[in-house]
């Protein structure tokens, strides 16, 4: 879903993560944006597990999707997030849930889609002399 994967296919990304020099105090973080009905099935857990297999010291950050103004999906419910994370943990994957912030202004997970709010926040200020 990300344009960058055309230039850097996931296979190459995984190879780079496996080759990354290991340090005792360092853990690689892999981010996963959870989109209900698109990538939240048990089969998707298996795909994630296959991707992470062989990558030493990795943690998966699950990021609940924020729909923005031109959504490809709705936001996942708490139950859907918990279920997916439970499936991942059941496969032995170290998982963290990214805290959802900024949803009220549609700023979560890289969105910034609230055009009307941006206009009011960035409108020029008139200075009186």
N, C-alpha and C. Protein backbone atom coordinates (compact mmCIF):
# COMPACT_ATOMS: atom_id res chain seq x y z
N UNK A 1 0.81 -1.20 0.00
CA UNK A 1 0.00 0.00 0.00
C UNK A 1 0.85 1.26 0.00
N UNK A 2 2.12 1.12 0.33
CA UNK A 2 2.97 2.31 0.36
C UNK A 2 3.76 2.40 -0.94
N UNK A 3 3.77 3.57 -1.54
CA UNK A 3 4.50 3.71 -2.82
C UNK A 3 5.97 3.30 -2.72
N UNK A 4 6.57 3.48 -1.56
CA UNK A 4 7.99 3.16 -1.41
C UNK A 4 8.26 1.68 -1.64
N UNK A 5 7.25 0.81 -1.46
CA UNK A 5 7.49 -0.62 -1.66
C UNK A 5 7.74 -0.97 -3.12
N UNK A 6 7.43 -0.06 -4.02
CA UNK A 6 7.77 -0.30 -5.43
C UNK A 6 9.27 -0.18 -5.63
N UNK A 7 9.89 0.75 -4.90
CA UNK A 7 11.33 0.93 -5.01
C UNK A 7 12.08 -0.05 -4.11
N UNK A 8 11.51 -0.30 -2.94
CA UNK A 8 12.12 -1.21 -1.97
C UNK A 8 11.13 -2.30 -1.59
N UNK A 9 11.08 -3.39 -2.35
CA UNK A 9 10.16 -4.48 -2.04
C UNK A 9 10.41 -5.03 -0.63
N UNK A 10 9.38 -5.59 -0.03
CA UNK A 10 9.51 -6.11 1.33
C UNK A 10 10.63 -7.14 1.46
N UNK A 11 10.88 -7.89 0.43
CA UNK A 11 11.97 -8.87 0.49
C UNK A 11 13.30 -8.17 0.74
N UNK A 12 13.52 -7.06 0.05
CA UNK A 12 14.78 -6.30 0.25
C UNK A 12 14.82 -5.64 1.62
N UNK A 13 13.68 -5.16 2.09
CA UNK A 13 13.62 -4.55 3.42
C UNK A 13 13.98 -5.60 4.47
N UNK A 14 13.40 -6.79 4.33
CA UNK A 14 13.70 -7.86 5.29
C UNK A 14 15.19 -8.22 5.25
N UNK A 15 15.75 -8.32 4.07
CA UNK A 15 17.18 -8.63 3.95
C UNK A 15 18.03 -7.57 4.66
N UNK A 16 17.65 -6.31 4.51
CA UNK A 16 18.39 -5.24 5.17
C UNK A 16 18.25 -5.32 6.69
N UNK A 17 17.07 -5.67 7.18
CA UNK A 17 16.87 -5.80 8.62
C UNK A 17 17.67 -6.97 9.19
N UNK A 18 17.72 -8.06 8.46
CA UNK A 18 18.50 -9.21 8.90
C UNK A 18 19.99 -8.87 8.93
N UNK A 19 20.46 -8.11 7.96
CA UNK A 19 21.87 -7.76 7.87
C UNK A 19 22.29 -6.63 8.80
N UNK A 20 21.32 -5.93 9.39
CA UNK A 20 21.64 -4.77 10.24
C UNK A 20 22.51 -5.22 11.42
N UNK A 21 23.61 -4.51 11.68
CA UNK A 21 24.49 -4.91 12.79
C UNK A 21 23.75 -4.89 14.13
N UNK A 22 23.88 -5.97 14.86
CA UNK A 22 23.19 -6.11 16.14
C UNK A 22 23.98 -5.44 17.27
N UNK A 23 23.23 -4.79 18.16
CA UNK A 23 23.81 -4.23 19.39
C UNK A 23 22.95 -4.73 20.54
N UNK A 24 23.57 -4.96 21.68
CA UNK A 24 22.86 -5.54 22.82
C UNK A 24 21.69 -4.67 23.29
N UNK A 25 21.79 -3.37 23.15
CA UNK A 25 20.75 -2.48 23.68
C UNK A 25 19.81 -1.96 22.59
N UNK A 26 19.75 -2.65 21.47
CA UNK A 26 18.98 -2.14 20.33
C UNK A 26 17.98 -3.19 19.85
N UNK A 27 16.75 -2.74 19.62
CA UNK A 27 15.71 -3.60 19.08
C UNK A 27 15.17 -2.94 17.81
N UNK A 28 15.04 -3.71 16.75
CA UNK A 28 14.47 -3.19 15.51
C UNK A 28 12.95 -3.11 15.66
N UNK A 29 12.37 -1.99 15.24
CA UNK A 29 10.92 -1.82 15.29
C UNK A 29 10.35 -1.89 13.88
N UNK A 30 9.34 -2.72 13.73
CA UNK A 30 8.63 -2.83 12.46
C UNK A 30 7.22 -2.31 12.71
N UNK A 31 6.79 -1.35 11.92
CA UNK A 31 5.47 -0.75 12.10
C UNK A 31 4.45 -1.41 11.19
N UNK A 32 3.24 -1.60 11.74
CA UNK A 32 2.15 -2.26 11.01
C UNK A 32 0.88 -1.46 11.26
N UNK A 33 0.38 -0.82 10.23
CA UNK A 33 -0.85 -0.04 10.34
C UNK A 33 -2.03 -0.98 10.14
N UNK A 34 -2.84 -1.14 11.18
CA UNK A 34 -3.96 -2.09 11.17
C UNK A 34 -5.19 -1.47 10.53
N UNK A 35 -5.60 -2.05 9.40
CA UNK A 35 -6.78 -1.59 8.65
C UNK A 35 -7.84 -2.68 8.69
N UNK A 36 -8.96 -2.43 9.39
CA UNK A 36 -9.98 -3.48 9.49
C UNK A 36 -10.54 -3.87 8.13
N UNK A 37 -10.68 -5.20 7.94
CA UNK A 37 -11.20 -5.71 6.69
C UNK A 37 -10.18 -5.78 5.57
N UNK A 38 -8.98 -5.29 5.83
CA UNK A 38 -7.94 -5.28 4.80
C UNK A 38 -6.73 -6.11 5.21
N UNK A 39 -6.22 -5.89 6.43
CA UNK A 39 -5.02 -6.62 6.86
C UNK A 39 -5.13 -7.06 8.33
N UNK A 40 -6.31 -7.51 8.73
CA UNK A 40 -6.52 -7.86 10.14
C UNK A 40 -7.02 -9.29 10.34
N UNK A 41 -6.73 -10.17 9.38
CA UNK A 41 -7.21 -11.55 9.44
C UNK A 41 -6.12 -12.47 10.00
N UNK A 42 -6.49 -13.67 10.41
CA UNK A 42 -5.46 -14.63 10.87
C UNK A 42 -4.39 -14.88 9.80
N UNK A 43 -4.79 -14.88 8.52
CA UNK A 43 -3.80 -15.08 7.45
C UNK A 43 -2.77 -13.94 7.43
N UNK A 44 -3.21 -12.74 7.79
CA UNK A 44 -2.29 -11.61 7.84
C UNK A 44 -1.28 -11.77 8.97
N UNK A 45 -1.72 -12.37 10.08
CA UNK A 45 -0.81 -12.66 11.18
C UNK A 45 0.27 -13.61 10.70
N UNK A 46 -0.12 -14.60 9.91
CA UNK A 46 0.86 -15.55 9.38
C UNK A 46 1.86 -14.85 8.45
N UNK A 47 1.37 -13.91 7.65
CA UNK A 47 2.27 -13.14 6.77
C UNK A 47 3.25 -12.30 7.58
N UNK A 48 2.75 -11.68 8.63
CA UNK A 48 3.61 -10.87 9.51
C UNK A 48 4.66 -11.77 10.16
N UNK A 49 4.23 -12.92 10.66
CA UNK A 49 5.16 -13.86 11.30
C UNK A 49 6.23 -14.31 10.31
N UNK A 50 5.84 -14.58 9.08
CA UNK A 50 6.81 -15.00 8.06
C UNK A 50 7.80 -13.87 7.77
N UNK A 51 7.29 -12.63 7.73
CA UNK A 51 8.19 -11.50 7.48
C UNK A 51 9.19 -11.35 8.62
N UNK A 52 8.73 -11.46 9.85
CA UNK A 52 9.61 -11.26 11.01
C UNK A 52 10.55 -12.43 11.26
N UNK A 53 10.22 -13.59 10.73
CA UNK A 53 11.06 -14.77 10.94
C UNK A 53 12.47 -14.52 10.42
N UNK A 54 13.44 -14.70 11.28
CA UNK A 54 14.83 -14.51 10.88
C UNK A 54 15.37 -13.12 11.17
N UNK A 55 14.49 -12.19 11.52
CA UNK A 55 14.96 -10.85 11.89
C UNK A 55 15.24 -10.86 13.39
N UNK A 56 16.51 -10.72 13.76
CA UNK A 56 16.82 -10.80 15.19
C UNK A 56 16.36 -9.54 15.94
N UNK A 57 15.90 -9.76 17.15
CA UNK A 57 15.53 -8.67 18.07
C UNK A 57 14.61 -7.65 17.42
N UNK A 58 13.44 -8.09 17.04
CA UNK A 58 12.46 -7.20 16.41
C UNK A 58 11.21 -7.10 17.27
N UNK A 59 10.60 -5.92 17.27
CA UNK A 59 9.32 -5.70 17.91
C UNK A 59 8.37 -5.16 16.84
N UNK A 60 7.13 -5.60 16.90
CA UNK A 60 6.13 -5.13 15.95
C UNK A 60 5.27 -4.08 16.63
N UNK A 61 5.26 -2.87 16.08
CA UNK A 61 4.38 -1.81 16.55
C UNK A 61 3.10 -1.86 15.73
N UNK A 62 1.98 -2.15 16.38
CA UNK A 62 0.69 -2.14 15.70
C UNK A 62 0.09 -0.75 15.85
N UNK A 63 -0.19 -0.13 14.72
CA UNK A 63 -0.72 1.24 14.69
C UNK A 63 -2.15 1.19 14.18
N UNK A 64 -3.13 1.52 15.01
CA UNK A 64 -4.52 1.55 14.53
C UNK A 64 -4.69 2.63 13.45
N UNK A 65 -5.32 2.27 12.36
CA UNK A 65 -5.52 3.18 11.24
C UNK A 65 -6.43 4.34 11.62
N UNK A 66 -6.08 5.52 11.14
CA UNK A 66 -6.91 6.71 11.27
C UNK A 66 -7.46 7.03 9.89
N UNK A 67 -8.78 7.04 9.72
CA UNK A 67 -9.37 7.18 8.39
C UNK A 67 -9.06 8.47 7.63
N UNK A 68 -8.85 9.59 8.27
CA UNK A 68 -8.59 10.82 7.52
C UNK A 68 -9.78 11.23 6.67
N UNK A 69 -9.53 12.06 5.68
CA UNK A 69 -10.62 12.59 4.85
C UNK A 69 -10.91 11.75 3.62
N UNK A 70 -9.99 10.88 3.22
CA UNK A 70 -10.19 10.03 2.04
C UNK A 70 -9.86 8.60 2.44
N UNK A 71 -10.70 8.00 3.30
CA UNK A 71 -10.33 6.73 3.91
C UNK A 71 -10.35 5.54 2.96
N UNK A 72 -9.45 4.59 3.24
CA UNK A 72 -9.47 3.30 2.55
C UNK A 72 -10.15 2.27 3.43
N UNK A 73 -10.37 2.62 4.70
CA UNK A 73 -11.03 1.74 5.66
C UNK A 73 -11.52 2.60 6.81
N UNK A 74 -12.28 1.99 7.69
CA UNK A 74 -12.69 2.69 8.91
C UNK A 74 -11.63 2.45 9.98
N UNK A 75 -11.70 3.16 11.07
CA UNK A 75 -10.78 2.92 12.18
C UNK A 75 -11.12 1.58 12.83
N UNK A 76 -10.13 0.82 13.25
CA UNK A 76 -10.43 -0.44 13.92
C UNK A 76 -10.99 -0.19 15.31
N UNK A 77 -11.88 -1.07 15.75
CA UNK A 77 -12.43 -0.98 17.10
C UNK A 77 -11.39 -1.49 18.10
N UNK A 78 -11.59 -1.19 19.37
CA UNK A 78 -10.69 -1.69 20.41
C UNK A 78 -10.67 -3.22 20.41
N UNK A 79 -11.84 -3.82 20.20
CA UNK A 79 -11.92 -5.28 20.18
C UNK A 79 -11.12 -5.86 19.02
N UNK A 80 -11.18 -5.22 17.85
CA UNK A 80 -10.42 -5.70 16.69
C UNK A 80 -8.92 -5.56 16.92
N UNK A 81 -8.52 -4.47 17.54
CA UNK A 81 -7.10 -4.25 17.83
C UNK A 81 -6.61 -5.31 18.82
N UNK A 82 -7.37 -5.49 19.90
CA UNK A 82 -6.97 -6.46 20.92
C UNK A 82 -6.92 -7.88 20.35
N UNK A 83 -7.89 -8.24 19.51
CA UNK A 83 -7.92 -9.57 18.91
C UNK A 83 -6.68 -9.81 18.04
N UNK A 84 -6.36 -8.82 17.18
CA UNK A 84 -5.22 -8.96 16.29
C UNK A 84 -3.92 -9.07 17.09
N UNK A 85 -3.77 -8.22 18.09
CA UNK A 85 -2.57 -8.28 18.93
C UNK A 85 -2.49 -9.62 19.65
N UNK A 86 -3.63 -10.13 20.10
CA UNK A 86 -3.65 -11.44 20.75
C UNK A 86 -3.20 -12.55 19.81
N UNK A 87 -3.64 -12.51 18.58
CA UNK A 87 -3.21 -13.50 17.59
C UNK A 87 -1.70 -13.42 17.38
N UNK A 88 -1.18 -12.19 17.27
CA UNK A 88 0.26 -12.02 17.08
C UNK A 88 1.04 -12.58 18.26
N UNK A 89 0.61 -12.25 19.46
CA UNK A 89 1.28 -12.76 20.66
C UNK A 89 1.18 -14.27 20.74
N UNK A 90 0.06 -14.81 20.29
CA UNK A 90 -0.11 -16.26 20.24
C UNK A 90 0.91 -16.94 19.32
N UNK A 91 1.42 -16.21 18.36
CA UNK A 91 2.46 -16.72 17.44
C UNK A 91 3.86 -16.44 17.99
N UNK A 92 3.93 -15.86 19.20
CA UNK A 92 5.23 -15.60 19.82
C UNK A 92 5.89 -14.31 19.37
N UNK A 93 5.12 -13.42 18.76
CA UNK A 93 5.67 -12.15 18.26
C UNK A 93 5.63 -11.11 19.37
N UNK A 94 6.74 -10.42 19.56
CA UNK A 94 6.79 -9.32 20.51
C UNK A 94 6.03 -8.14 19.90
N UNK A 95 4.97 -7.71 20.55
CA UNK A 95 4.08 -6.69 19.99
C UNK A 95 3.89 -5.55 20.97
N UNK A 96 3.85 -4.36 20.41
CA UNK A 96 3.46 -3.17 21.16
C UNK A 96 2.37 -2.47 20.37
N UNK A 97 1.43 -1.92 21.09
CA UNK A 97 0.39 -1.15 20.43
C UNK A 97 0.76 0.32 20.49
N UNK A 98 0.78 0.95 19.34
CA UNK A 98 1.05 2.38 19.30
C UNK A 98 -0.15 3.10 19.87
N UNK A 99 0.08 4.01 20.79
CA UNK A 99 -1.00 4.77 21.39
C UNK A 99 -1.61 5.69 20.33
N UNK A 100 -2.93 5.67 20.24
CA UNK A 100 -3.63 6.50 19.26
C UNK A 100 -3.74 7.92 19.81
N UNK A 101 -3.18 8.85 19.07
CA UNK A 101 -3.26 10.26 19.45
C UNK A 101 -3.63 11.06 18.22
N UNK A 102 -4.27 12.18 18.43
CA UNK A 102 -4.55 13.08 17.32
C UNK A 102 -5.73 12.70 16.46
N UNK A 103 -6.50 11.68 16.86
CA UNK A 103 -7.62 11.25 16.02
C UNK A 103 -8.66 12.36 15.88
N UNK A 104 -8.84 13.18 16.92
CA UNK A 104 -9.87 14.23 16.86
C UNK A 104 -9.54 15.29 15.82
N UNK A 105 -8.26 15.46 15.50
CA UNK A 105 -7.88 16.41 14.45
C UNK A 105 -7.34 15.68 13.23
N UNK A 106 -7.57 14.36 13.20
CA UNK A 106 -7.14 13.50 12.10
C UNK A 106 -5.65 13.62 11.84
N UNK A 107 -4.87 13.60 12.92
CA UNK A 107 -3.42 13.69 12.79
C UNK A 107 -2.74 12.37 13.12
N UNK A 108 -3.48 11.39 13.57
CA UNK A 108 -2.87 10.13 13.98
C UNK A 108 -2.39 9.33 12.79
N UNK A 109 -1.32 8.60 12.98
CA UNK A 109 -0.77 7.69 11.97
C UNK A 109 -0.52 8.39 10.64
N UNK A 110 0.06 9.59 10.70
CA UNK A 110 0.46 10.27 9.47
C UNK A 110 -0.66 10.89 8.69
N UNK A 111 -1.84 10.96 9.22
CA UNK A 111 -2.96 11.51 8.46
C UNK A 111 -2.88 13.04 8.45
N UNK A 112 -3.34 13.87 9.06
CA UNK A 112 -3.40 15.33 8.89
C UNK A 112 -4.42 15.67 7.82
N UNK A 113 -5.53 14.99 7.84
CA UNK A 113 -6.52 15.16 6.79
C UNK A 113 -7.61 16.17 7.06
N UNK A 114 -7.65 16.79 8.23
CA UNK A 114 -8.73 17.71 8.53
C UNK A 114 -8.41 19.07 7.90
N UNK A 115 -8.76 19.21 6.65
CA UNK A 115 -8.42 20.41 5.87
C UNK A 115 -9.01 21.66 6.51
N UNK A 116 -10.25 21.59 6.94
CA UNK A 116 -10.90 22.76 7.53
C UNK A 116 -10.18 23.21 8.80
N UNK A 117 -9.78 22.27 9.65
CA UNK A 117 -9.05 22.62 10.86
C UNK A 117 -7.70 23.22 10.51
N UNK A 118 -7.02 22.67 9.51
CA UNK A 118 -5.72 23.24 9.11
C UNK A 118 -5.89 24.66 8.64
N UNK A 119 -6.96 24.95 7.89
CA UNK A 119 -7.19 26.32 7.41
C UNK A 119 -7.34 27.28 8.57
N UNK A 120 -8.09 26.89 9.60
CA UNK A 120 -8.29 27.79 10.73
C UNK A 120 -7.03 27.96 11.55
N UNK A 121 -6.22 26.91 11.64
CA UNK A 121 -4.98 26.99 12.42
C UNK A 121 -3.88 27.73 11.68
N UNK A 122 -3.92 27.75 10.35
CA UNK A 122 -2.84 28.36 9.58
C UNK A 122 -3.25 29.65 8.88
N UNK A 123 -4.46 30.13 9.19
CA UNK A 123 -4.89 31.36 8.52
C UNK A 123 -4.02 32.51 8.99
N UNK A 124 -3.74 33.46 8.10
CA UNK A 124 -2.85 34.57 8.45
C UNK A 124 -3.48 35.43 9.55
N UNK A 125 -2.61 35.91 10.42
CA UNK A 125 -3.04 36.77 11.51
C UNK A 125 -2.86 38.22 11.08
N UNK A 126 -3.86 39.04 11.30
CA UNK A 126 -3.78 40.46 10.96
C UNK A 126 -3.15 41.20 12.14
N UNK A 127 -2.10 41.93 11.84
CA UNK A 127 -1.42 42.69 12.88
C UNK A 127 -1.87 44.14 12.74
N UNK A 128 -2.38 44.69 13.82
CA UNK A 128 -2.82 46.10 13.81
C UNK A 128 -1.73 46.98 14.37
N UNK A 129 -1.52 48.12 13.71
CA UNK A 129 -0.48 49.02 14.20
C UNK A 129 -1.05 50.19 14.94
